[in-house]
Amino acid sequence: MRTFILILFSLGLSACGTVQKVQYSALEKVGIHKRDILVDRIEETSEAQEQTKKQFKSAYDELASLIEVKDGGLESKYKRMAKAVEASSEKAEELDDRIDSVDEVAKALFSEWQKELEQYQSASLRQASEKNLQTTRQRYNVIYQKMRESQQRVSPVLQVLQDNTLFLKHNLNARAISSISNEVLVIEDKVALLISQMELSISESDKFIKSMRNK
């Protein structure tokens, strides 16, 4: 039931602030709080990063393999590459949406937590909660920055892939294939950096999730 409710909730990721507040309130009534939603969204974003990483690697491999193909097999190879690049573009958009959704619920969680500090009658408990808030916010800021850094690596790689796909669309011959050899080397470096940044972000996200679940 919890998973089903979260799936329904995720369908409203682009909803306005008022609708989001209503959704949060409804979820809290069934025992699903903002911290739970935040953890779930970070997990989903990590999965999206993993999928994006693999998809971009696949698109690069398809482009690189074109160099070794003779004229007779270029058309089918090109179609596979173009399809892989299109899938990469879709994954990039999904990842951007996922990161936005993470930050949206994080802001709501920290805002609520900050306001609720005023409700404490015990000074020691309030101080403990405030310290916990600061620690959690600092940890979150680290993973959010890593997510954005990895997402920023996506666009340059995608642009190069799309440029080469467009070029080959109108110049699908041995000479054109030969001319993109240097481009393949450039993309290889960009993809390597993208994968490295994605893996770092996923690792930081895993640490944050464990810290939240251990509280």
N, C-alpha and C. Protein backbone atom coordinates (compact mmCIF):
# COMPACT_ATOMS: atom_id res chain seq x y z
N MET A 1 0.83 -1.20 0.00
CA MET A 1 0.00 0.00 0.00
C MET A 1 0.87 1.26 0.00
N ARG A 2 1.92 1.23 0.82
CA ARG A 2 2.81 2.40 0.89
C ARG A 2 3.46 2.68 -0.46
N THR A 3 3.91 1.60 -1.10
CA THR A 3 4.54 1.76 -2.42
C THR A 3 3.54 2.28 -3.44
N PHE A 4 2.31 1.76 -3.39
CA PHE A 4 1.27 2.17 -4.32
C PHE A 4 0.96 3.65 -4.16
N ILE A 5 0.85 4.09 -2.92
CA ILE A 5 0.55 5.50 -2.65
C ILE A 5 1.67 6.39 -3.15
N LEU A 6 2.92 5.97 -2.95
CA LEU A 6 4.05 6.77 -3.40
C LEU A 6 4.10 6.85 -4.91
N ILE A 7 3.67 5.77 -5.60
CA ILE A 7 3.63 5.80 -7.06
C ILE A 7 2.60 6.81 -7.53
N LEU A 8 1.45 6.79 -6.89
CA LEU A 8 0.41 7.77 -7.23
C LEU A 8 0.90 9.18 -6.98
N PHE A 9 1.59 9.35 -5.87
CA PHE A 9 2.10 10.67 -5.50
C PHE A 9 3.13 11.15 -6.51
N SER A 10 3.97 10.23 -7.00
CA SER A 10 5.03 10.61 -7.94
C SER A 10 4.47 11.11 -9.25
N LEU A 11 3.23 10.72 -9.56
CA LEU A 11 2.61 11.18 -10.79
C LEU A 11 2.32 12.67 -10.75
N GLY A 12 2.32 13.23 -9.55
CA GLY A 12 2.05 14.66 -9.40
C GLY A 12 3.28 15.48 -9.12
N LEU A 13 4.44 15.04 -9.61
CA LEU A 13 5.70 15.72 -9.32
C LEU A 13 5.71 17.16 -9.80
N SER A 14 5.00 17.44 -10.90
CA SER A 14 5.03 18.78 -11.47
C SER A 14 3.90 19.65 -10.95
N ALA A 15 3.17 19.16 -9.97
CA ALA A 15 2.04 19.91 -9.44
C ALA A 15 2.49 21.18 -8.76
N CYS A 16 1.57 22.14 -8.64
CA CYS A 16 1.91 23.42 -8.02
C CYS A 16 2.11 23.22 -6.52
N GLY A 17 2.65 24.25 -5.87
CA GLY A 17 2.97 24.15 -4.46
C GLY A 17 1.78 23.81 -3.58
N THR A 18 0.60 24.41 -3.87
CA THR A 18 -0.59 24.15 -3.06
C THR A 18 -1.00 22.69 -3.15
N VAL A 19 -0.98 22.15 -4.36
CA VAL A 19 -1.35 20.75 -4.55
C VAL A 19 -0.36 19.84 -3.83
N GLN A 20 0.93 20.19 -3.89
CA GLN A 20 1.94 19.40 -3.21
C GLN A 20 1.67 19.36 -1.70
N LYS A 21 1.30 20.48 -1.13
CA LYS A 21 1.03 20.53 0.31
C LYS A 21 -0.13 19.62 0.67
N VAL A 22 -1.16 19.61 -0.19
CA VAL A 22 -2.31 18.73 0.04
C VAL A 22 -1.88 17.27 -0.03
N GLN A 23 -1.02 16.97 -1.00
CA GLN A 23 -0.53 15.59 -1.15
C GLN A 23 0.30 15.17 0.06
N TYR A 24 1.18 16.06 0.51
CA TYR A 24 1.98 15.75 1.71
C TYR A 24 1.08 15.47 2.90
N SER A 25 0.07 16.31 3.07
CA SER A 25 -0.85 16.16 4.20
C SER A 25 -1.58 14.82 4.13
N ALA A 26 -2.02 14.45 2.94
CA ALA A 26 -2.74 13.19 2.75
C ALA A 26 -1.84 12.00 3.06
N LEU A 27 -0.59 12.07 2.63
CA LEU A 27 0.35 10.98 2.87
C LEU A 27 0.70 10.85 4.35
N GLU A 28 0.82 11.99 5.03
CA GLU A 28 1.15 11.96 6.45
C GLU A 28 0.03 11.32 7.27
N LYS A 29 -1.19 11.44 6.80
CA LYS A 29 -2.32 10.83 7.50
C LYS A 29 -2.26 9.30 7.46
N VAL A 30 -1.57 8.76 6.46
CA VAL A 30 -1.42 7.31 6.38
C VAL A 30 -0.02 6.87 6.79
N GLY A 31 0.69 7.76 7.47
CA GLY A 31 1.98 7.39 8.05
C GLY A 31 3.19 7.54 7.15
N ILE A 32 3.03 8.25 6.03
CA ILE A 32 4.17 8.47 5.12
C ILE A 32 4.57 9.94 5.24
N HIS A 33 5.73 10.19 5.83
CA HIS A 33 6.16 11.55 6.10
C HIS A 33 7.16 12.04 5.04
N LYS A 34 7.46 13.33 5.12
CA LYS A 34 8.33 13.93 4.11
C LYS A 34 9.71 13.27 4.07
N ARG A 35 10.21 12.87 5.23
CA ARG A 35 11.52 12.21 5.24
C ARG A 35 11.47 10.89 4.47
N ASP A 36 10.30 10.18 4.56
CA ASP A 36 10.14 8.93 3.82
C ASP A 36 10.11 9.20 2.32
N ILE A 37 9.40 10.26 1.95
CA ILE A 37 9.30 10.63 0.53
C ILE A 37 10.67 11.04 0.00
N LEU A 38 11.41 11.79 0.83
CA LEU A 38 12.74 12.24 0.42
C LEU A 38 13.66 11.04 0.15
N VAL A 39 13.66 10.09 1.08
CA VAL A 39 14.50 8.90 0.90
C VAL A 39 14.10 8.14 -0.36
N ASP A 40 12.79 7.97 -0.56
CA ASP A 40 12.32 7.25 -1.76
C ASP A 40 12.74 7.96 -3.04
N ARG A 41 12.63 9.29 -3.03
CA ARG A 41 12.98 10.04 -4.24
C ARG A 41 14.48 10.01 -4.52
N ILE A 42 15.27 10.02 -3.47
CA ILE A 42 16.72 9.94 -3.66
C ILE A 42 17.09 8.57 -4.23
N GLU A 43 16.42 7.54 -3.73
CA GLU A 43 16.65 6.19 -4.26
C GLU A 43 16.27 6.13 -5.75
N GLU A 44 15.14 6.71 -6.09
CA GLU A 44 14.69 6.71 -7.49
C GLU A 44 15.65 7.50 -8.37
N THR A 45 16.19 8.59 -7.82
CA THR A 45 17.13 9.40 -8.59
C THR A 45 18.44 8.64 -8.81
N SER A 46 18.88 7.91 -7.79
CA SER A 46 20.08 7.09 -7.94
C SER A 46 19.89 6.04 -9.03
N GLU A 47 18.69 5.44 -9.06
CA GLU A 47 18.38 4.46 -10.10
C GLU A 47 18.37 5.13 -11.47
N ALA A 48 17.83 6.35 -11.54
CA ALA A 48 17.81 7.09 -12.81
C ALA A 48 19.23 7.43 -13.25
N GLN A 49 20.10 7.76 -12.31
CA GLN A 49 21.49 8.04 -12.64
C GLN A 49 22.19 6.80 -13.19
N GLU A 50 21.92 5.67 -12.56
CA GLU A 50 22.51 4.40 -13.02
C GLU A 50 22.05 4.08 -14.45
N GLN A 51 20.76 4.27 -14.70
CA GLN A 51 20.21 4.02 -16.03
C GLN A 51 20.77 5.00 -17.06
N THR A 52 20.89 6.26 -16.65
CA THR A 52 21.44 7.28 -17.55
C THR A 52 22.88 6.97 -17.90
N LYS A 53 23.64 6.58 -16.90
CA LYS A 53 25.05 6.21 -17.11
C LYS A 53 25.17 5.09 -18.13
N LYS A 54 24.37 4.06 -17.97
CA LYS A 54 24.42 2.92 -18.88
C LYS A 54 23.95 3.30 -20.28
N GLN A 55 22.92 4.13 -20.35
CA GLN A 55 22.38 4.51 -21.65
C GLN A 55 23.38 5.35 -22.45
N PHE A 56 24.05 6.28 -21.79
CA PHE A 56 25.04 7.11 -22.48
C PHE A 56 26.24 6.28 -22.92
N LYS A 57 26.62 5.32 -22.09
CA LYS A 57 27.72 4.42 -22.47
C LYS A 57 27.32 3.62 -23.71
N SER A 58 26.06 3.18 -23.74
CA SER A 58 25.56 2.42 -24.88
C SER A 58 25.56 3.27 -26.15
N ALA A 59 25.12 4.53 -26.03
CA ALA A 59 25.10 5.43 -27.18
C ALA A 59 26.51 5.69 -27.71
N TYR A 60 27.44 5.87 -26.78
CA TYR A 60 28.84 6.06 -27.19
C TYR A 60 29.37 4.82 -27.91
N ASP A 61 29.09 3.64 -27.35
CA ASP A 61 29.55 2.39 -27.96
C ASP A 61 29.01 2.23 -29.38
N GLU A 62 27.75 2.62 -29.58
CA GLU A 62 27.15 2.52 -30.91
C GLU A 62 27.86 3.45 -31.89
N LEU A 63 28.17 4.66 -31.42
CA LEU A 63 28.87 5.61 -32.29
C LEU A 63 30.28 5.11 -32.60
N ALA A 64 30.97 4.64 -31.59
CA ALA A 64 32.34 4.17 -31.78
C ALA A 64 32.39 2.97 -32.72
N SER A 65 31.37 2.12 -32.65
CA SER A 65 31.36 0.92 -33.49
C SER A 65 31.15 1.24 -34.97
N LEU A 66 30.61 2.41 -35.26
CA LEU A 66 30.38 2.80 -36.66
C LEU A 66 31.69 2.90 -37.44
N ILE A 67 32.74 3.28 -36.75
CA ILE A 67 34.04 3.49 -37.41
C ILE A 67 34.55 2.20 -38.05
N GLU A 68 34.17 1.08 -37.46
CA GLU A 68 34.68 -0.20 -37.94
C GLU A 68 33.75 -0.88 -38.95
N VAL A 69 32.65 -0.24 -39.29
CA VAL A 69 31.66 -0.85 -40.18
C VAL A 69 31.91 -0.45 -41.64
N LYS A 70 31.75 -1.40 -42.53
CA LYS A 70 31.88 -1.12 -43.96
C LYS A 70 30.59 -0.49 -44.47
N ASP A 71 30.65 0.08 -45.68
CA ASP A 71 29.51 0.81 -46.23
C ASP A 71 28.21 0.01 -46.18
N GLY A 72 28.30 -1.28 -46.43
CA GLY A 72 27.10 -2.10 -46.50
C GLY A 72 26.31 -2.18 -45.21
N GLY A 73 26.97 -1.97 -44.09
CA GLY A 73 26.27 -2.09 -42.81
C GLY A 73 26.04 -0.79 -42.10
N LEU A 74 26.33 0.32 -42.77
CA LEU A 74 26.24 1.62 -42.11
C LEU A 74 24.81 2.01 -41.74
N GLU A 75 23.88 1.75 -42.62
CA GLU A 75 22.50 2.19 -42.40
C GLU A 75 21.91 1.58 -41.13
N SER A 76 22.04 0.28 -40.98
CA SER A 76 21.47 -0.38 -39.80
C SER A 76 22.19 0.06 -38.52
N LYS A 77 23.51 0.23 -38.61
CA LYS A 77 24.28 0.68 -37.46
C LYS A 77 23.89 2.10 -37.06
N TYR A 78 23.70 2.95 -38.08
CA TYR A 78 23.31 4.33 -37.80
C TYR A 78 21.97 4.38 -37.09
N LYS A 79 21.02 3.57 -37.52
CA LYS A 79 19.69 3.56 -36.91
C LYS A 79 19.77 3.14 -35.44
N ARG A 80 20.62 2.17 -35.16
CA ARG A 80 20.80 1.75 -33.76
C ARG A 80 21.41 2.87 -32.93
N MET A 81 22.37 3.58 -33.51
CA MET A 81 23.00 4.68 -32.79
C MET A 81 21.99 5.81 -32.54
N ALA A 82 21.24 6.17 -33.59
CA ALA A 82 20.26 7.25 -33.45
C ALA A 82 19.23 6.91 -32.38
N LYS A 83 18.82 5.65 -32.34
CA LYS A 83 17.85 5.22 -31.33
C LYS A 83 18.46 5.31 -29.93
N ALA A 84 19.71 4.94 -29.80
CA ALA A 84 20.40 5.00 -28.51
C ALA A 84 20.56 6.44 -28.04
N VAL A 85 20.85 7.34 -28.96
CA VAL A 85 21.01 8.76 -28.62
C VAL A 85 19.67 9.36 -28.20
N GLU A 86 18.60 8.98 -28.87
CA GLU A 86 17.27 9.45 -28.50
C GLU A 86 16.90 8.97 -27.11
N ALA A 87 17.21 7.71 -26.81
CA ALA A 87 16.94 7.17 -25.48
C ALA A 87 17.76 7.90 -24.42
N SER A 88 18.98 8.29 -24.79
CA SER A 88 19.84 9.05 -23.87
C SER A 88 19.21 10.40 -23.54
N SER A 89 18.64 11.03 -24.55
CA SER A 89 17.98 12.32 -24.34
C SER A 89 16.80 12.19 -23.38
N GLU A 90 16.03 11.13 -23.53
CA GLU A 90 14.88 10.89 -22.66
C GLU A 90 15.34 10.63 -21.22
N LYS A 91 16.41 9.87 -21.07
CA LYS A 91 16.95 9.61 -19.73
C LYS A 91 17.47 10.89 -19.08
N ALA A 92 18.06 11.76 -19.89
CA ALA A 92 18.57 13.03 -19.36
C ALA A 92 17.43 13.89 -18.83
N GLU A 93 16.32 13.92 -19.54
CA GLU A 93 15.16 14.70 -19.09
C GLU A 93 14.57 14.10 -17.82
N GLU A 94 14.49 12.78 -17.78
CA GLU A 94 13.96 12.11 -16.59
C GLU A 94 14.83 12.40 -15.37
N LEU A 95 16.13 12.35 -15.57
CA LEU A 95 17.05 12.60 -14.46
C LEU A 95 16.89 14.01 -13.92
N ASP A 96 16.76 14.98 -14.81
CA ASP A 96 16.58 16.37 -14.40
C ASP A 96 15.31 16.52 -13.57
N ASP A 97 14.23 15.87 -14.01
CA ASP A 97 12.96 15.92 -13.28
C ASP A 97 13.09 15.27 -11.90
N ARG A 98 13.82 14.16 -11.85
CA ARG A 98 14.00 13.46 -10.59
C ARG A 98 14.75 14.33 -9.57
N ILE A 99 15.79 14.98 -10.02
CA ILE A 99 16.58 15.83 -9.12
C ILE A 99 15.74 17.00 -8.63
N ASP A 100 14.94 17.58 -9.51
CA ASP A 100 14.04 18.67 -9.11
C ASP A 100 13.06 18.19 -8.04
N SER A 101 12.54 16.97 -8.21
CA SER A 101 11.55 16.44 -7.26
C SER A 101 12.19 16.17 -5.90
N VAL A 102 13.45 15.75 -5.90
CA VAL A 102 14.18 15.54 -4.65
C VAL A 102 14.31 16.86 -3.89
N ASP A 103 14.73 17.89 -4.61
CA ASP A 103 14.96 19.18 -3.95
C ASP A 103 13.66 19.79 -3.45
N GLU A 104 12.59 19.56 -4.18
CA GLU A 104 11.29 20.11 -3.78
C GLU A 104 10.85 19.55 -2.42
N VAL A 105 10.96 18.23 -2.25
CA VAL A 105 10.52 17.65 -0.98
C VAL A 105 11.53 17.94 0.12
N ALA A 106 12.80 18.07 -0.22
CA ALA A 106 13.82 18.40 0.79
C ALA A 106 13.55 19.79 1.38
N LYS A 107 13.23 20.74 0.53
CA LYS A 107 12.94 22.09 0.99
C LYS A 107 11.71 22.09 1.91
N ALA A 108 10.69 21.31 1.52
CA ALA A 108 9.48 21.23 2.34
C ALA A 108 9.78 20.60 3.70
N LEU A 109 10.59 19.55 3.69
CA LEU A 109 10.96 18.86 4.94
C LEU A 109 11.72 19.79 5.87
N PHE A 110 12.75 20.47 5.35
CA PHE A 110 13.58 21.32 6.20
C PHE A 110 12.82 22.54 6.69
N SER A 111 11.93 23.06 5.88
CA SER A 111 11.10 24.20 6.29
C SER A 111 10.18 23.80 7.44
N GLU A 112 9.55 22.64 7.31
CA GLU A 112 8.66 22.14 8.37
C GLU A 112 9.45 21.87 9.65
N TRP A 113 10.59 21.25 9.50
CA TRP A 113 11.44 20.90 10.65
C TRP A 113 11.85 22.17 11.40
N GLN A 114 12.25 23.20 10.65
CA GLN A 114 12.68 24.46 11.25
C GLN A 114 11.54 25.11 12.04
N LYS A 115 10.34 25.10 11.48
CA LYS A 115 9.19 25.71 12.15
C LYS A 115 8.81 24.94 13.42
N GLU A 116 8.93 23.63 13.36
CA GLU A 116 8.53 22.81 14.50
C GLU A 116 9.50 22.91 15.68
N LEU A 117 10.67 23.47 15.46
CA LEU A 117 11.59 23.68 16.58
C LEU A 117 10.99 24.59 17.64
N GLU A 118 10.12 25.51 17.20
CA GLU A 118 9.50 26.47 18.12
C GLU A 118 8.46 25.80 19.02
N GLN A 119 8.06 24.59 18.70
CA GLN A 119 7.02 23.92 19.47
C GLN A 119 7.56 23.22 20.72
N TYR A 120 8.88 23.08 20.80
CA TYR A 120 9.48 22.37 21.95
C TYR A 120 9.35 23.20 23.24
N GLN A 121 9.01 22.51 24.31
CA GLN A 121 9.04 23.12 25.63
C GLN A 121 10.40 22.88 26.29
N SER A 122 11.02 21.77 25.91
CA SER A 122 12.33 21.40 26.47
C SER A 122 13.45 22.01 25.62
N ALA A 123 14.29 22.82 26.26
CA ALA A 123 15.39 23.47 25.56
C ALA A 123 16.40 22.44 25.06
N SER A 124 16.65 21.41 25.84
CA SER A 124 17.65 20.40 25.46
C SER A 124 17.18 19.59 24.25
N LEU A 125 15.89 19.25 24.24
CA LEU A 125 15.36 18.51 23.09
C LEU A 125 15.35 19.37 21.84
N ARG A 126 15.02 20.65 22.02
CA ARG A 126 15.03 21.56 20.88
C ARG A 126 16.43 21.70 20.30
N GLN A 127 17.42 21.83 21.17
CA GLN A 127 18.81 21.95 20.71
C GLN A 127 19.26 20.68 20.00
N ALA A 128 18.86 19.52 20.52
CA ALA A 128 19.23 18.25 19.89
C ALA A 128 18.60 18.13 18.51
N SER A 129 17.33 18.52 18.41
CA SER A 129 16.64 18.46 17.12
C SER A 129 17.22 19.45 16.13
N GLU A 130 17.57 20.63 16.61
CA GLU A 130 18.16 21.65 15.73
C GLU A 130 19.52 21.19 15.21
N LYS A 131 20.30 20.55 16.08
CA LYS A 131 21.59 20.02 15.65
C LYS A 131 21.41 18.93 14.61
N ASN A 132 20.42 18.08 14.82
CA ASN A 132 20.11 17.01 13.87
C ASN A 132 19.68 17.60 12.53
N LEU A 133 18.89 18.65 12.58
CA LEU A 133 18.45 19.34 11.36
C LEU A 133 19.64 19.88 10.59
N GLN A 134 20.54 20.54 11.29
CA GLN A 134 21.72 21.12 10.63
C GLN A 134 22.58 20.03 9.99
N THR A 135 22.76 18.93 10.70
CA THR A 135 23.57 17.83 10.18
C THR A 135 22.92 17.21 8.94
N THR A 136 21.62 16.99 9.02
CA THR A 136 20.89 16.39 7.90
C THR A 136 20.91 17.32 6.69
N ARG A 137 20.71 18.61 6.94
CA ARG A 137 20.72 19.58 5.84
C ARG A 137 22.09 19.64 5.17
N GLN A 138 23.15 19.60 5.98
CA GLN A 138 24.51 19.63 5.43
C GLN A 138 24.77 18.39 4.57
N ARG A 139 24.35 17.23 5.06
CA ARG A 139 24.53 16.00 4.29
C ARG A 139 23.72 16.04 3.00
N TYR A 140 22.51 16.58 3.11
CA TYR A 140 21.69 16.69 1.91
C TYR A 140 22.32 17.62 0.88
N ASN A 141 22.85 18.75 1.34
CA ASN A 141 23.47 19.70 0.42
C ASN A 141 24.62 19.07 -0.37
N VAL A 142 25.33 18.15 0.30
CA VAL A 142 26.43 17.46 -0.37
C VAL A 142 25.91 16.59 -1.51
N ILE A 143 24.87 15.79 -1.22
CA ILE A 143 24.39 14.89 -2.27
C ILE A 143 23.66 15.66 -3.37
N TYR A 144 22.98 16.75 -2.99
CA TYR A 144 22.30 17.54 -4.02
C TYR A 144 23.31 18.16 -4.98
N GLN A 145 24.42 18.65 -4.42
CA GLN A 145 25.47 19.21 -5.27
C GLN A 145 26.05 18.14 -6.19
N LYS A 146 26.26 16.93 -5.65
CA LYS A 146 26.79 15.83 -6.47
C LYS A 146 25.81 15.46 -7.58
N MET A 147 24.53 15.46 -7.25
CA MET A 147 23.52 15.16 -8.26
C MET A 147 23.56 16.19 -9.40
N ARG A 148 23.64 17.45 -9.02
CA ARG A 148 23.65 18.50 -10.02
C ARG A 148 24.94 18.47 -10.85
N GLU A 149 26.05 18.18 -10.20
CA GLU A 149 27.31 18.10 -10.92
C GLU A 149 27.28 16.97 -11.95
N SER A 150 26.70 15.84 -11.55
CA SER A 150 26.61 14.72 -12.49
C SER A 150 25.63 15.05 -13.62
N GLN A 151 24.53 15.73 -13.27
CA GLN A 151 23.55 16.11 -14.30
C GLN A 151 24.14 17.10 -15.29
N GLN A 152 25.01 17.98 -14.81
CA GLN A 152 25.64 18.96 -15.69
C GLN A 152 26.62 18.32 -16.67
N ARG A 153 27.11 17.13 -16.34
CA ARG A 153 27.99 16.40 -17.25
C ARG A 153 27.20 15.80 -18.43
N VAL A 154 25.90 15.66 -18.22
CA VAL A 154 25.06 15.01 -19.22
C VAL A 154 24.92 15.84 -20.49
N SER A 155 24.61 17.11 -20.33
CA SER A 155 24.31 17.97 -21.47
C SER A 155 25.43 18.05 -22.50
N PRO A 156 26.70 18.27 -22.10
CA PRO A 156 27.78 18.33 -23.10
C PRO A 156 27.92 17.03 -23.89
N VAL A 157 27.78 15.88 -23.21
CA VAL A 157 27.88 14.59 -23.89
C VAL A 157 26.72 14.43 -24.87
N LEU A 158 25.52 14.77 -24.40
CA LEU A 158 24.34 14.63 -25.25
C LEU A 158 24.44 15.51 -26.49
N GLN A 159 24.94 16.73 -26.33
CA GLN A 159 25.07 17.64 -27.46
C GLN A 159 26.02 17.10 -28.53
N VAL A 160 27.13 16.53 -28.09
CA VAL A 160 28.08 15.96 -29.04
C VAL A 160 27.47 14.75 -29.76
N LEU A 161 26.79 13.91 -29.01
CA LEU A 161 26.14 12.74 -29.61
C LEU A 161 25.08 13.16 -30.62
N GLN A 162 24.30 14.16 -30.26
CA GLN A 162 23.24 14.63 -31.16
C GLN A 162 23.82 15.29 -32.41
N ASP A 163 24.90 16.05 -32.24
CA ASP A 163 25.55 16.68 -33.39
C ASP A 163 26.06 15.63 -34.38
N ASN A 164 26.69 14.61 -33.85
CA ASN A 164 27.24 13.56 -34.72
C ASN A 164 26.13 12.74 -35.36
N THR A 165 25.05 12.54 -34.65
CA THR A 165 23.90 11.83 -35.22
C THR A 165 23.31 12.62 -36.38
N LEU A 166 23.17 13.93 -36.17
CA LEU A 166 22.63 14.79 -37.22
C LEU A 166 23.56 14.83 -38.43
N PHE A 167 24.86 14.92 -38.18
CA PHE A 167 25.83 14.96 -39.27
C PHE A 167 25.77 13.69 -40.10
N LEU A 168 25.73 12.54 -39.43
CA LEU A 168 25.71 11.27 -40.14
C LEU A 168 24.39 11.02 -40.86
N LYS A 169 23.34 11.63 -40.37
CA LYS A 169 22.02 11.47 -41.01
C LYS A 169 22.07 11.90 -42.47
N HIS A 170 22.86 12.95 -42.75
CA HIS A 170 22.93 13.49 -44.11
C HIS A 170 24.25 13.17 -44.81
N ASN A 171 25.12 12.45 -44.11
CA ASN A 171 26.44 12.14 -44.68
C ASN A 171 26.86 10.72 -44.31
N LEU A 172 25.98 9.77 -44.58
CA LEU A 172 26.25 8.40 -44.16
C LEU A 172 27.08 7.66 -45.21
N ASN A 173 28.40 7.87 -45.13
CA ASN A 173 29.31 7.20 -46.05
C ASN A 173 30.66 7.01 -45.35
N ALA A 174 31.55 6.28 -46.01
CA ALA A 174 32.84 5.95 -45.40
C ALA A 174 33.65 7.19 -45.05
N ARG A 175 33.59 8.21 -45.92
CA ARG A 175 34.35 9.43 -45.67
C ARG A 175 33.83 10.15 -44.43
N ALA A 176 32.51 10.21 -44.30
CA ALA A 176 31.91 10.87 -43.14
C ALA A 176 32.26 10.13 -41.85
N ILE A 177 32.22 8.82 -41.93
CA ILE A 177 32.57 8.00 -40.76
C ILE A 177 34.01 8.26 -40.34
N SER A 178 34.87 8.37 -41.32
CA SER A 178 36.28 8.62 -41.03
C SER A 178 36.46 9.99 -40.37
N SER A 179 35.65 10.96 -40.75
CA SER A 179 35.80 12.32 -40.25
C SER A 179 35.37 12.47 -38.79
N ILE A 180 34.61 11.50 -38.28
CA ILE A 180 34.15 11.61 -36.88
C ILE A 180 35.06 10.82 -35.93
N SER A 181 36.14 10.27 -36.44
CA SER A 181 37.04 9.49 -35.59
C SER A 181 37.55 10.30 -34.41
N ASN A 182 37.96 11.55 -34.67
CA ASN A 182 38.44 12.42 -33.58
C ASN A 182 37.33 12.75 -32.59
N GLU A 183 36.10 12.88 -33.11
CA GLU A 183 34.96 13.18 -32.25
C GLU A 183 34.73 12.03 -31.26
N VAL A 184 34.93 10.83 -31.73
CA VAL A 184 34.73 9.66 -30.87
C VAL A 184 35.67 9.71 -29.67
N LEU A 185 36.90 10.13 -29.92
CA LEU A 185 37.87 10.23 -28.83
C LEU A 185 37.45 11.29 -27.80
N VAL A 186 36.92 12.39 -28.31
CA VAL A 186 36.44 13.46 -27.43
C VAL A 186 35.28 12.96 -26.57
N ILE A 187 34.34 12.27 -27.21
CA ILE A 187 33.18 11.76 -26.50
C ILE A 187 33.59 10.72 -25.46
N GLU A 188 34.58 9.92 -25.80
CA GLU A 188 35.06 8.90 -24.87
C GLU A 188 35.48 9.52 -23.54
N ASP A 189 36.22 10.62 -23.61
CA ASP A 189 36.66 11.31 -22.40
C ASP A 189 35.47 11.89 -21.63
N LYS A 190 34.52 12.46 -22.36
CA LYS A 190 33.34 13.06 -21.72
C LYS A 190 32.47 12.01 -21.04
N VAL A 191 32.32 10.87 -21.70
CA VAL A 191 31.52 9.79 -21.14
C VAL A 191 32.19 9.24 -19.88
N ALA A 192 33.51 9.12 -19.92
CA ALA A 192 34.26 8.64 -18.75
C ALA A 192 34.06 9.57 -17.56
N LEU A 193 34.09 10.88 -17.80
CA LEU A 193 33.86 11.84 -16.73
C LEU A 193 32.43 11.77 -16.22
N LEU A 194 31.50 11.60 -17.15
CA LEU A 194 30.09 11.49 -16.77
C LEU A 194 29.87 10.28 -15.87
N ILE A 195 30.41 9.14 -16.27
CA ILE A 195 30.25 7.92 -15.49
C ILE A 195 30.87 8.07 -14.10
N SER A 196 32.05 8.66 -14.06
CA SER A 196 32.74 8.86 -12.78
C SER A 196 31.91 9.75 -11.85
N GLN A 197 31.35 10.84 -12.40
CA GLN A 197 30.56 11.76 -11.59
C GLN A 197 29.26 11.11 -11.13
N MET A 198 28.65 10.32 -12.01
CA MET A 198 27.42 9.62 -11.65
C MET A 198 27.67 8.65 -10.50
N GLU A 199 28.74 7.89 -10.59
CA GLU A 199 29.05 6.90 -9.56
C GLU A 199 29.34 7.56 -8.22
N LEU A 200 29.99 8.72 -8.27
CA LEU A 200 30.26 9.46 -7.03
C LEU A 200 28.96 9.95 -6.41
N SER A 201 28.07 10.45 -7.24
CA SER A 201 26.78 10.95 -6.76
C SER A 201 25.96 9.81 -6.17
N ILE A 202 25.94 8.66 -6.84
CA ILE A 202 25.19 7.50 -6.35
C ILE A 202 25.73 7.04 -5.00
N SER A 203 27.04 7.04 -4.87
CA SER A 203 27.68 6.64 -3.62
C SER A 203 27.29 7.57 -2.47
N GLU A 204 27.31 8.88 -2.73
CA GLU A 204 26.94 9.84 -1.70
C GLU A 204 25.46 9.70 -1.33
N SER A 205 24.63 9.42 -2.31
CA SER A 205 23.20 9.24 -2.06
C SER A 205 22.96 8.03 -1.17
N ASP A 206 23.68 6.96 -1.43
CA ASP A 206 23.55 5.75 -0.62
C ASP A 206 23.90 6.03 0.84
N LYS A 207 24.95 6.81 1.05
CA LYS A 207 25.36 7.16 2.42
C LYS A 207 24.27 7.97 3.12
N PHE A 208 23.68 8.90 2.39
CA PHE A 208 22.63 9.75 2.97
C PHE A 208 21.41 8.91 3.33
N ILE A 209 21.03 8.01 2.44
CA ILE A 209 19.87 7.14 2.69
C ILE A 209 20.09 6.30 3.94
N LYS A 210 21.28 5.74 4.09
CA LYS A 210 21.58 4.92 5.27
C LYS A 210 21.53 5.76 6.55
N SER A 211 22.03 7.00 6.47
CA SER A 211 22.02 7.86 7.65
C SER A 211 20.60 8.22 8.06
N MET A 212 19.71 8.41 7.06
CA MET A 212 18.33 8.75 7.36
C MET A 212 17.58 7.56 7.95
N ARG A 213 17.88 6.36 7.49
CA ARG A 213 17.18 5.16 7.96
C ARG A 213 17.67 4.70 9.32
N ASN A 214 18.86 5.14 9.69
CA ASN A 214 19.41 4.74 10.98
C ASN A 214 18.94 5.64 12.11
N LYS A 215 18.20 6.69 11.77
CA LYS A 215 17.75 7.63 12.80
C LYS A 215 16.45 7.15 13.42
